[in-house]
N, C-alpha and C. Protein backbone atom coordinates (compact mmCIF):
# COMPACT_ATOMS: atom_id res chain seq x y z
N MET A 1 0.86 -1.14 -0.02
CA MET A 1 0.05 0.02 0.00
C MET A 1 0.90 1.18 0.00
N PRO A 2 0.75 2.05 -1.05
CA PRO A 2 1.66 3.22 -1.10
C PRO A 2 1.16 4.23 0.00
N THR A 3 2.23 4.91 0.51
CA THR A 3 1.96 5.92 1.50
C THR A 3 2.00 7.32 0.80
N LYS A 4 1.05 8.13 1.30
CA LYS A 4 0.79 9.46 0.66
C LYS A 4 1.82 10.40 1.31
N VAL A 5 2.56 11.14 0.48
CA VAL A 5 3.49 12.11 1.05
C VAL A 5 2.66 13.31 1.43
N LYS A 6 2.80 13.76 2.73
CA LYS A 6 1.98 14.73 3.25
C LYS A 6 2.85 16.07 3.17
N GLY A 7 2.39 17.14 2.69
CA GLY A 7 3.00 18.50 2.72
C GLY A 7 2.92 19.11 4.03
N MET A 8 3.56 20.32 4.20
CA MET A 8 3.46 20.97 5.39
C MET A 8 2.06 21.67 5.53
N THR A 9 1.52 21.73 6.63
CA THR A 9 0.31 22.43 6.97
C THR A 9 0.56 23.89 7.06
N SER A 10 -0.41 24.67 7.00
CA SER A 10 -0.31 26.17 7.19
C SER A 10 0.24 26.60 8.54
N LEU A 11 -0.12 25.84 9.56
CA LEU A 11 0.41 26.10 10.93
C LEU A 11 1.92 25.87 10.93
N GLU A 12 2.37 24.80 10.36
CA GLU A 12 3.92 24.49 10.32
C GLU A 12 4.60 25.61 9.58
N ILE A 13 3.99 26.03 8.43
CA ILE A 13 4.62 27.16 7.68
C ILE A 13 4.74 28.40 8.53
N ALA A 14 3.52 28.71 9.18
CA ALA A 14 3.45 29.84 10.05
C ALA A 14 4.56 29.91 11.15
N ILE A 15 4.78 28.74 11.68
CA ILE A 15 5.77 28.65 12.79
C ILE A 15 7.16 28.92 12.21
N ILE A 16 7.44 28.32 11.05
CA ILE A 16 8.81 28.47 10.43
C ILE A 16 8.99 29.96 10.05
N VAL A 17 7.97 30.48 9.45
CA VAL A 17 8.13 31.99 9.08
C VAL A 17 8.31 32.89 10.34
N ALA A 18 7.75 32.50 11.46
CA ALA A 18 7.75 33.31 12.70
C ALA A 18 9.25 33.17 13.23
N ILE A 19 9.72 31.94 13.20
CA ILE A 19 11.13 31.80 13.67
C ILE A 19 12.13 32.56 12.89
N VAL A 20 11.98 32.36 11.62
CA VAL A 20 12.86 33.14 10.67
C VAL A 20 12.81 34.65 10.85
N LEU A 21 11.59 35.15 11.13
CA LEU A 21 11.30 36.54 11.36
C LEU A 21 12.03 37.04 12.64
N VAL A 22 11.89 36.26 13.67
CA VAL A 22 12.54 36.57 14.97
C VAL A 22 14.03 36.62 14.79
N ILE A 23 14.62 35.61 14.14
CA ILE A 23 16.02 35.62 13.86
C ILE A 23 16.45 36.81 13.12
N ALA A 24 15.79 37.16 12.05
CA ALA A 24 16.05 38.31 11.16
C ALA A 24 16.04 39.62 12.07
N ILE A 25 15.06 39.74 12.86
CA ILE A 25 14.98 41.01 13.69
C ILE A 25 16.12 41.11 14.63
N ALA A 26 16.50 39.90 15.29
CA ALA A 26 17.60 39.91 16.34
C ALA A 26 18.94 40.23 15.61
N VAL A 27 19.11 39.72 14.44
CA VAL A 27 20.35 39.94 13.75
C VAL A 27 20.36 41.51 13.20
N GLY A 28 19.28 41.96 12.81
CA GLY A 28 19.14 43.35 12.41
C GLY A 28 19.42 44.36 13.55
N TRP A 29 18.86 43.96 14.64
CA TRP A 29 19.05 44.91 15.79
C TRP A 29 20.49 44.88 16.28
N TYR A 30 21.14 43.71 16.28
CA TYR A 30 22.54 43.58 16.73
C TYR A 30 23.39 44.49 15.72
N LEU A 31 23.16 44.36 14.46
CA LEU A 31 23.96 45.23 13.41
C LEU A 31 23.63 46.59 13.56
N TYR A 32 22.40 47.02 13.84
CA TYR A 32 22.11 48.38 14.05
C TYR A 32 22.76 49.05 15.26
N THR A 33 22.73 48.38 16.35
CA THR A 33 23.36 48.87 17.61
C THR A 33 24.82 48.88 17.54
N THR A 34 25.44 47.87 16.83
CA THR A 34 26.84 47.84 16.65
C THR A 34 27.32 48.99 15.88
N PHE A 35 26.80 49.30 14.78
CA PHE A 35 27.24 50.31 13.82
C PHE A 35 26.81 51.70 14.36
N ALA A 36 25.71 51.83 14.99
CA ALA A 36 25.24 53.07 15.60
C ALA A 36 26.21 53.52 16.69
N ALA A 37 26.65 52.55 17.44
CA ALA A 37 27.57 52.91 18.62
C ALA A 37 28.93 53.23 17.92
N ALA A 38 29.36 52.60 16.87
CA ALA A 38 30.63 52.87 16.25
C ALA A 38 30.66 54.25 15.61
N GLY A 39 29.46 54.63 15.09
CA GLY A 39 29.34 55.86 14.39
C GLY A 39 29.24 57.08 15.24
N GLN A 40 28.97 56.85 16.64
CA GLN A 40 28.86 57.99 17.51
C GLN A 40 30.14 58.65 17.71
N GLN A 41 30.19 59.94 17.40
CA GLN A 41 31.38 60.72 17.60
C GLN A 41 31.24 61.44 18.82
N SER A 42 32.37 61.75 19.51
CA SER A 42 32.35 62.45 20.73
C SER A 42 31.92 63.89 20.53
N GLY A 43 32.21 64.60 19.45
CA GLY A 43 31.80 65.92 19.25
C GLY A 43 32.88 66.90 19.75
N LEU A 44 33.94 66.36 20.40
CA LEU A 44 35.00 67.15 20.97
C LEU A 44 36.22 66.41 20.87
N VAL A 45 37.38 67.19 20.59
CA VAL A 45 38.77 66.59 20.54
C VAL A 45 39.52 67.38 21.58
N VAL A 46 40.26 66.65 22.32
CA VAL A 46 41.29 67.24 23.33
C VAL A 46 42.65 67.29 22.57
N THR A 47 42.99 68.58 22.13
CA THR A 47 44.28 68.61 21.29
C THR A 47 45.56 68.68 22.01
N SER A 48 45.52 69.19 23.30
CA SER A 48 46.65 69.12 24.19
C SER A 48 46.26 69.34 25.63
N THR A 49 47.17 68.93 26.42
CA THR A 49 46.85 68.90 27.90
C THR A 49 48.04 69.33 28.72
N LYS A 50 47.87 69.85 29.90
CA LYS A 50 48.93 70.10 30.75
C LYS A 50 48.35 69.98 32.28
N ALA A 51 49.02 69.10 32.98
CA ALA A 51 48.61 68.90 34.42
C ALA A 51 49.77 69.47 35.28
N CYS A 52 49.39 70.16 36.27
CA CYS A 52 50.38 70.82 37.10
C CYS A 52 50.43 70.05 38.46
N THR A 53 51.65 70.21 39.06
CA THR A 53 51.87 69.53 40.43
C THR A 53 50.87 70.07 41.47
N ASP A 54 50.38 71.35 41.27
CA ASP A 54 49.45 71.95 42.26
C ASP A 54 47.99 71.46 42.03
N GLY A 55 47.74 70.55 41.10
CA GLY A 55 46.49 69.95 40.85
C GLY A 55 45.62 70.57 39.83
N MET A 56 46.16 71.52 39.15
CA MET A 56 45.42 72.19 38.07
C MET A 56 45.65 71.45 36.79
N LEU A 57 44.51 71.32 36.02
CA LEU A 57 44.52 70.64 34.70
C LEU A 57 44.04 71.56 33.57
N TYR A 58 44.87 71.73 32.54
CA TYR A 58 44.45 72.73 31.50
C TYR A 58 44.33 71.79 30.28
N LEU A 59 43.11 71.89 29.57
CA LEU A 59 42.65 71.08 28.44
C LEU A 59 42.48 72.12 27.29
N ASN A 60 43.22 71.88 26.16
CA ASN A 60 42.91 72.62 24.93
C ASN A 60 41.85 71.76 24.27
N VAL A 61 40.59 72.20 24.02
CA VAL A 61 39.63 71.40 23.36
C VAL A 61 39.03 72.03 22.17
N VAL A 62 38.65 71.34 21.10
CA VAL A 62 38.10 71.93 19.96
C VAL A 62 36.83 71.08 19.54
N PRO A 63 35.69 71.73 19.41
CA PRO A 63 34.42 70.93 19.04
C PRO A 63 34.52 70.54 17.63
N GLN A 64 33.97 69.37 17.31
CA GLN A 64 33.81 68.89 15.96
C GLN A 64 32.51 69.34 15.33
N GLY A 65 32.67 69.97 14.16
CA GLY A 65 31.40 70.35 13.46
C GLY A 65 31.02 71.73 13.92
N ALA A 66 29.79 72.13 13.46
CA ALA A 66 29.27 73.49 13.68
C ALA A 66 28.58 73.56 15.10
N ALA A 67 28.20 72.41 15.63
CA ALA A 67 27.33 72.38 16.82
C ALA A 67 28.22 72.66 18.10
N GLN A 68 27.50 73.32 19.06
CA GLN A 68 28.18 73.52 20.33
C GLN A 68 28.03 72.26 21.17
N VAL A 69 29.10 72.06 22.05
CA VAL A 69 29.13 70.94 22.94
C VAL A 69 29.15 71.50 24.39
N VAL A 70 28.64 70.73 25.24
CA VAL A 70 28.61 71.17 26.68
C VAL A 70 29.36 70.13 27.58
N ILE A 71 30.47 70.57 28.22
CA ILE A 71 31.27 69.71 29.12
C ILE A 71 30.51 69.76 30.46
N VAL A 72 30.33 68.55 30.96
CA VAL A 72 29.60 68.50 32.33
C VAL A 72 30.53 67.82 33.41
N GLY A 73 31.75 67.23 32.96
CA GLY A 73 32.57 66.66 33.90
C GLY A 73 33.83 66.21 33.29
N VAL A 74 34.84 65.89 34.18
CA VAL A 74 36.09 65.31 33.76
C VAL A 74 36.47 64.24 34.67
N ASP A 75 36.90 63.02 34.07
CA ASP A 75 37.50 61.99 34.89
C ASP A 75 38.97 62.16 34.58
N PHE A 76 39.66 62.24 35.74
CA PHE A 76 41.17 62.32 35.62
C PHE A 76 41.87 61.58 36.73
N ALA A 77 42.79 60.73 36.31
CA ALA A 77 43.64 59.88 37.24
C ALA A 77 42.62 59.11 38.33
N GLY A 78 41.61 58.64 37.78
CA GLY A 78 40.64 57.76 38.57
C GLY A 78 39.77 58.62 39.39
N THR A 79 39.68 59.94 39.24
CA THR A 79 38.84 60.82 40.10
C THR A 79 37.86 61.45 39.14
N SER A 80 36.60 61.40 39.58
CA SER A 80 35.41 62.10 38.72
C SER A 80 35.35 63.54 39.32
N ILE A 81 35.47 64.48 38.43
CA ILE A 81 35.35 65.91 38.76
C ILE A 81 34.18 66.45 38.06
N THR A 82 33.11 66.85 38.87
CA THR A 82 31.97 67.51 38.29
C THR A 82 32.19 68.97 38.10
N THR A 83 32.00 69.48 36.83
CA THR A 83 32.14 70.95 36.63
C THR A 83 30.85 71.69 36.41
N THR A 84 30.77 72.90 36.56
CA THR A 84 29.62 73.67 36.07
C THR A 84 29.64 73.38 34.51
N PRO A 85 28.46 73.32 33.90
CA PRO A 85 28.46 73.11 32.49
C PRO A 85 29.22 74.19 31.68
N ILE A 86 30.13 73.72 30.82
CA ILE A 86 31.01 74.66 30.09
C ILE A 86 30.52 74.41 28.63
N THR A 87 30.04 75.47 27.93
CA THR A 87 29.67 75.43 26.53
C THR A 87 30.90 75.80 25.68
N VAL A 88 31.21 74.87 24.75
CA VAL A 88 32.30 75.03 23.86
C VAL A 88 31.88 75.17 22.46
N SER A 89 32.12 76.35 21.83
CA SER A 89 31.78 76.50 20.47
C SER A 89 32.90 76.71 19.54
N SER A 90 34.08 76.87 20.11
CA SER A 90 35.27 77.11 19.34
C SER A 90 36.43 76.63 20.15
N ALA A 91 37.69 76.71 19.63
CA ALA A 91 38.84 76.29 20.32
C ALA A 91 38.94 77.01 21.70
N THR A 92 38.97 76.22 22.70
CA THR A 92 39.01 76.83 24.11
C THR A 92 39.94 76.04 24.97
N ILE A 93 40.44 76.83 26.02
CA ILE A 93 41.31 76.20 27.05
C ILE A 93 40.27 76.04 28.29
N VAL A 94 40.18 74.80 28.78
CA VAL A 94 39.36 74.53 29.94
C VAL A 94 40.30 74.30 31.09
N THR A 95 40.06 74.98 32.15
CA THR A 95 40.86 74.89 33.40
C THR A 95 40.02 74.12 34.49
N VAL A 96 40.62 73.10 34.99
CA VAL A 96 39.89 72.31 35.95
C VAL A 96 40.78 72.19 37.20
N LYS A 97 40.17 72.45 38.43
CA LYS A 97 41.00 72.19 39.67
C LYS A 97 40.62 70.75 40.18
N THR A 98 41.63 69.92 40.13
CA THR A 98 41.46 68.49 40.35
C THR A 98 41.43 68.16 41.85
N GLY A 99 42.07 69.05 42.58
CA GLY A 99 42.23 68.64 44.07
C GLY A 99 43.21 67.59 44.36
N LEU A 100 43.89 67.11 43.39
CA LEU A 100 44.88 66.04 43.57
C LEU A 100 46.23 66.63 43.79
N THR A 101 47.13 65.88 44.48
CA THR A 101 48.54 66.21 44.62
C THR A 101 49.20 65.36 43.63
N LEU A 102 49.85 65.83 42.64
CA LEU A 102 50.54 65.22 41.62
C LEU A 102 52.07 65.39 41.67
N GLN A 103 52.73 64.39 41.11
CA GLN A 103 54.23 64.37 41.04
C GLN A 103 54.67 64.67 39.66
N ALA A 104 55.63 65.53 39.48
CA ALA A 104 56.16 65.89 38.11
C ALA A 104 56.58 64.62 37.44
N GLY A 105 56.33 64.53 36.11
CA GLY A 105 56.65 63.34 35.36
C GLY A 105 55.72 62.29 35.30
N GLN A 106 54.65 62.26 36.10
CA GLN A 106 53.57 61.31 35.93
C GLN A 106 52.91 61.46 34.68
N VAL A 107 52.39 60.42 34.07
CA VAL A 107 51.63 60.44 32.82
C VAL A 107 50.31 59.79 33.21
N LEU A 108 49.23 60.65 33.25
CA LEU A 108 47.91 60.17 33.71
C LEU A 108 46.91 60.29 32.59
N THR A 109 45.88 59.42 32.65
CA THR A 109 44.84 59.48 31.61
C THR A 109 43.60 60.02 32.24
N GLY A 110 42.67 60.41 31.25
CA GLY A 110 41.41 60.95 31.73
C GLY A 110 40.43 61.10 30.52
N ARG A 111 39.33 61.60 30.77
CA ARG A 111 38.33 61.80 29.68
C ARG A 111 37.39 62.98 30.02
N VAL A 112 37.01 63.70 29.01
CA VAL A 112 36.06 64.75 29.21
C VAL A 112 34.67 64.22 28.96
N ILE A 113 33.74 64.50 29.81
CA ILE A 113 32.36 64.03 29.68
C ILE A 113 31.42 65.12 29.15
N LEU A 114 30.70 64.87 28.09
CA LEU A 114 29.88 65.76 27.56
C LEU A 114 28.36 65.53 27.96
N SER A 115 27.56 66.58 27.80
CA SER A 115 26.15 66.42 28.19
C SER A 115 25.41 65.34 27.39
N SER A 116 25.86 65.06 26.18
CA SER A 116 25.34 64.02 25.45
C SER A 116 25.60 62.59 25.87
N GLY A 117 26.59 62.50 26.82
CA GLY A 117 26.99 61.20 27.35
C GLY A 117 28.23 60.79 26.63
N ALA A 118 28.62 61.43 25.58
CA ALA A 118 29.88 61.02 24.84
C ALA A 118 31.12 61.38 25.66
N MET A 119 32.16 60.81 25.36
CA MET A 119 33.46 61.11 26.06
C MET A 119 34.64 61.27 25.13
N ALA A 120 35.46 62.13 25.53
CA ALA A 120 36.71 62.54 24.68
C ALA A 120 37.97 62.12 25.63
N PRO A 121 38.72 61.08 25.31
CA PRO A 121 39.85 60.70 26.15
C PRO A 121 41.03 61.62 25.91
N PHE A 122 41.93 61.60 26.93
CA PHE A 122 43.09 62.36 26.80
C PHE A 122 44.19 61.73 27.67
N THR A 123 45.49 62.20 27.52
CA THR A 123 46.52 61.80 28.36
C THR A 123 47.28 63.07 28.61
N ALA A 124 47.68 63.18 30.00
CA ALA A 124 48.38 64.37 30.42
C ALA A 124 49.68 64.03 31.14
N THR A 125 50.72 64.80 30.85
CA THR A 125 51.98 64.60 31.71
C THR A 125 51.95 65.68 32.66
N VAL A 126 52.28 65.39 33.90
CA VAL A 126 52.39 66.36 34.98
C VAL A 126 53.66 67.11 35.05
N VAL A 127 53.55 68.45 35.05
CA VAL A 127 54.73 69.24 35.04
C VAL A 127 54.61 70.24 36.22
N VAL A 128 55.82 70.88 36.52
CA VAL A 128 55.83 71.93 37.54
C VAL A 128 55.37 73.25 36.94
N CYS A 129 54.27 73.88 37.38
CA CYS A 129 53.81 75.14 36.77
C CYS A 129 54.21 76.28 37.77
N SER A 130 54.57 77.38 37.15
CA SER A 130 54.83 78.53 38.00
C SER A 130 53.78 79.56 38.01
């Protein structure tokens, strides 16, 4: 007695389509978030830095593009420093009192934190300032 080959029912097709759709959405979301994060620019570049032994930090910053950026804080040598919001629309020297005692010759890293949540990293060498 020959057996009849049965095709897929509409329910089986619907389940397979749903699984493929879920996988496609997951892959699409992963790619979107990966490339959206990679394309986020800080909006600010720290062109030069100077850290003094008395705890003062001088940052030369330049905004990228025509938009203004707002600095809301600085992380330096493992210390978070909250500043009053500083609006930067052109090349500017930002002065920050860190409250740290630093030794000449140290090379320390930090980052400028913007109101958008973006960060601009920098490295500063400590020098004796007069």
